[in-house]
C-alpha atoms as a PDB file:
ATOM      1  CA  MET A   1     107.165 126.738   2.507  1.00  0.00           C
ATOM      2  CA  LEU A   2     109.578 123.412   1.849  1.00  0.00           C
ATOM      3  CA  ASN A   3     108.734 122.693   5.783  1.00  0.00           C
ATOM      4  CA  LYS A   4     104.965 122.368   4.681  1.00  0.00           C
ATOM      5  CA  LYS A   5     103.567 119.266   5.661  1.00  0.00           C
ATOM      6  CA  SER A   6     101.794 117.634   3.640  1.00  0.00           C
ATOM      7  CA  ASP A   7      99.553 114.500   5.286  1.00  0.00           C
ATOM      8  CA  ASN A   8      99.423 112.567   1.513  1.00  0.00           C
ATOM      9  CA  GLY A   9     100.774 109.866   2.270  1.00  0.00           C
ATOM     10  CA  LEU A  10      98.613 108.578   5.808  1.00  0.00           C
ATOM     11  CA  ILE A  11      96.140 108.801   3.486  1.00  0.00           C
ATOM     12  CA  MET A  12      97.190 107.134   0.754  1.00  0.00           C
ATOM     13  CA  PHE A  13      98.152 104.650   3.444  1.00  0.00           C
ATOM     14  CA  VAL A  14      94.426 103.913   4.787  1.00  0.00           C
ATOM     15  CA  ASN A  15      93.261 104.536   0.913  1.00  0.00           C
ATOM     16  CA  LEU A  16      95.298 101.344   0.532  1.00  0.00           C
ATOM     17  CA  LEU A  17      95.364  99.813   3.217  1.00  0.00           C
ATOM     18  CA  GLY A  18      90.810  99.527   2.679  1.00  0.00           C
ATOM     19  CA  VAL A  19      91.635  98.343  -0.771  1.00  0.00           C
ATOM     20  CA  GLY A  20      93.607  95.528   0.953  1.00  0.00           C
ATOM     21  CA  ILE A  21      90.767  94.445   2.617  1.00  0.00           C
ATOM     22  CA  ALA A  22      88.338  94.988   1.043  1.00  0.00           C
ATOM     23  CA  TYR A  23      89.805  92.354  -1.749  1.00  0.00           C
ATOM     24  CA  GLY A  24      90.747  90.950   1.273  1.00  0.00           C
ATOM     25  CA  MET A  25      87.162  90.260   2.405  1.00  0.00           C
ATOM     26  CA  LEU A  26      86.294  89.500  -1.450  1.00  0.00           C
ATOM     27  CA  GLY A  27      88.055  86.247  -1.733  1.00  0.00           C
ATOM     28  CA  ILE A  28      86.951  85.286   1.239  1.00  0.00           C
ATOM     29  CA  SER A  29      83.705  85.245   0.539  1.00  0.00           C
ATOM     30  CA  LEU A  30      84.390  84.278  -2.907  1.00  0.00           C
ATOM     31  CA  TRP A  31      86.289  80.924  -1.333  1.00  0.00           C
ATOM     32  CA  LEU A  32      83.707  80.330   1.694  1.00  0.00           C
ATOM     33  CA  SER A  33      80.713  80.819  -0.674  1.00  0.00           C
ATOM     34  CA  THR A  34      79.647  76.882  -1.556  1.00  0.00           C
ATOM     35  CA  ASP A  35      76.863  77.872  -3.361  1.00  0.00           C
ATOM     36  CA  VAL A  36      78.570  79.522  -6.517  1.00  0.00           C
ATOM     37  CA  PRO A  37      80.285  77.825  -8.996  1.00  0.00           C
ATOM     38  CA  LEU A  38      84.212  78.286  -9.939  1.00  0.00           C
ATOM     39  CA  SER A  39      83.407  80.055 -12.909  1.00  0.00           C
ATOM     40  CA  THR A  40      81.583  82.270 -11.895  1.00  0.00           C
ATOM     41  CA  LYS A  41      83.679  83.406  -9.235  1.00  0.00           C
ATOM     42  CA  GLY A  42      86.333  83.950 -11.382  1.00  0.00           C
ATOM     43  CA  PHE A  43      84.093  86.470 -13.751  1.00  0.00           C
ATOM     44  CA  TRP A  44      83.799  88.009 -10.451  1.00  0.00           C
ATOM     45  CA  ALA A  45      87.094  88.426  -9.710  1.00  0.00           C
ATOM     46  CA  MET A  46      87.782  89.276 -13.427  1.00  0.00           C
ATOM     47  CA  SER A  47      85.169  91.697 -13.571  1.00  0.00           C
ATOM     48  CA  VAL A  48      86.915  93.479 -10.017  1.00  0.00           C
ATOM     49  CA  MET A  49      90.111  93.706 -11.092  1.00  0.00           C
ATOM     50  CA  MET A  50      88.846  95.485 -14.263  1.00  0.00           C
ATOM     51  CA  LEU A  51      87.213  98.152 -12.266  1.00  0.00           C
ATOM     52  CA  THR A  52      89.869  98.869 -10.292  1.00  0.00           C
ATOM     53  CA  LEU A  53      92.077  98.964 -13.349  1.00  0.00           C
ATOM     54  CA  ALA A  54      89.408 101.043 -14.618  1.00  0.00           C
ATOM     55  CA  LEU A  55      89.562 103.743 -11.784  1.00  0.00           C
ATOM     56  CA  VAL A  56      93.066 104.149 -11.705  1.00  0.00           C
ATOM     57  CA  ASN A  57      93.574 104.959 -15.165  1.00  0.00           C
ATOM     58  CA  PHE A  58      90.698 107.583 -14.549  1.00  0.00           C
ATOM     59  CA  VAL A  59      92.623 109.129 -11.284  1.00  0.00           C
ATOM     60  CA  LYS A  60      95.709 109.295 -13.584  1.00  0.00           C
ATOM     61  CA  TYR A  61      93.927 110.336 -16.668  1.00  0.00           C
ATOM     62  CA  ARG A  62      92.078 113.396 -14.521  1.00  0.00           C
ATOM     63  CA  PHE A  63      94.966 114.389 -12.651  1.00  0.00           C
ATOM     64  CA  ASP A  64      96.923 114.532 -15.397  1.00  0.00           C
ATOM     65  CA  GLU A  65      94.076 116.286 -17.245  1.00  0.00           C
ATOM     66  CA  ARG A  66      94.300 119.092 -14.151  1.00  0.00           C
ATOM     67  CA  MET A  67      98.253 118.696 -13.655  1.00  0.00           C
ATOM     68  CA  SER A  68      98.119 120.214 -17.694  1.00  0.00           C
ATOM     69  CA  GLU A  69      95.536 122.856 -17.259  1.00  0.00           C
ATOM     70  CA  ASP A  70      97.452 124.009 -14.336  1.00  0.00           C
ATOM     71  CA  ARG A  71     100.932 124.128 -16.331  1.00  0.00           C
ATOM     72  CA  ILE A  72      98.626 126.604 -19.088  1.00  0.00           C
ATOM     73  CA  GLN A  73      97.775 128.372 -16.413  1.00  0.00           C
ATOM     74  CA  ARG A  74     101.366 128.827 -15.300  1.00  0.00           C
ATOM     75  CA  ILE A  75     102.285 129.849 -18.540  1.00  0.00           C
ATOM     76  CA  GLU A  76      99.858 132.490 -19.333  1.00  0.00           C
ATOM     77  CA  ASP A  77     100.174 133.996 -16.206  1.00  0.00           C
ATOM     78  CA  ALA A  78     104.191 134.196 -17.000  1.00  0.00           C
ATOM     79  CA  LYS A  79     103.304 135.815 -20.514  1.00  0.00           C
ATOM     80  CA  ASN A  80     100.943 138.305 -18.983  1.00  0.00           C
ATOM     81  CA  GLU A  81     103.371 139.408 -15.720  1.00  0.00           C
ATOM     82  CA  LYS A  82     106.177 139.860 -18.619  1.00  0.00           C
ATOM     83  CA  LEU A  83     103.343 141.626 -20.874  1.00  0.00           C
ATOM     84  CA  LEU A  84     103.063 144.208 -17.399  1.00  0.00           C
ATOM     85  CA  GLU A  85     106.333 144.357 -16.577  1.00  0.00           C
ATOM     86  CA  ASP A  86     107.185 145.450 -19.963  1.00  0.00           C
ATOM     87  CA  TYR A  87     104.247 147.618 -19.986  1.00  0.00           C
ATOM     88  CA  VAL A  88     105.090 149.402 -17.157  1.00  0.00           C
ATOM     89  CA  GLY A  89     108.745 149.542 -17.740  1.00  0.00           C
ATOM     90  CA  GLU A  90     108.926 152.114 -21.354  1.00  0.00           C
ATOM     91  CA  PRO A  91     109.029 155.927 -20.386  1.00  0.00           C
ATOM     92  CA  LEU A  92     106.625 157.983 -20.916  1.00  0.00           C
END
């Protein structure tokens, strides 16, 4: 059970690499676009950063909610197991 291999590290690395490439490409496109004023480029950059922050928070809260539900389910399972154990253990 302890030797179970997980690909989460690789998946997270690939996703992080993709986000880095996307930011890099966005930065290059903002830097090289001469038709767009600097103030508009700043607003675009701020909106992308705010969107990223919102998505990270959304994923974090979804993960926290799932962990909380899992914890509650494990507590209820343990309670039910204890009740069954007490019921079966009593003499007739």
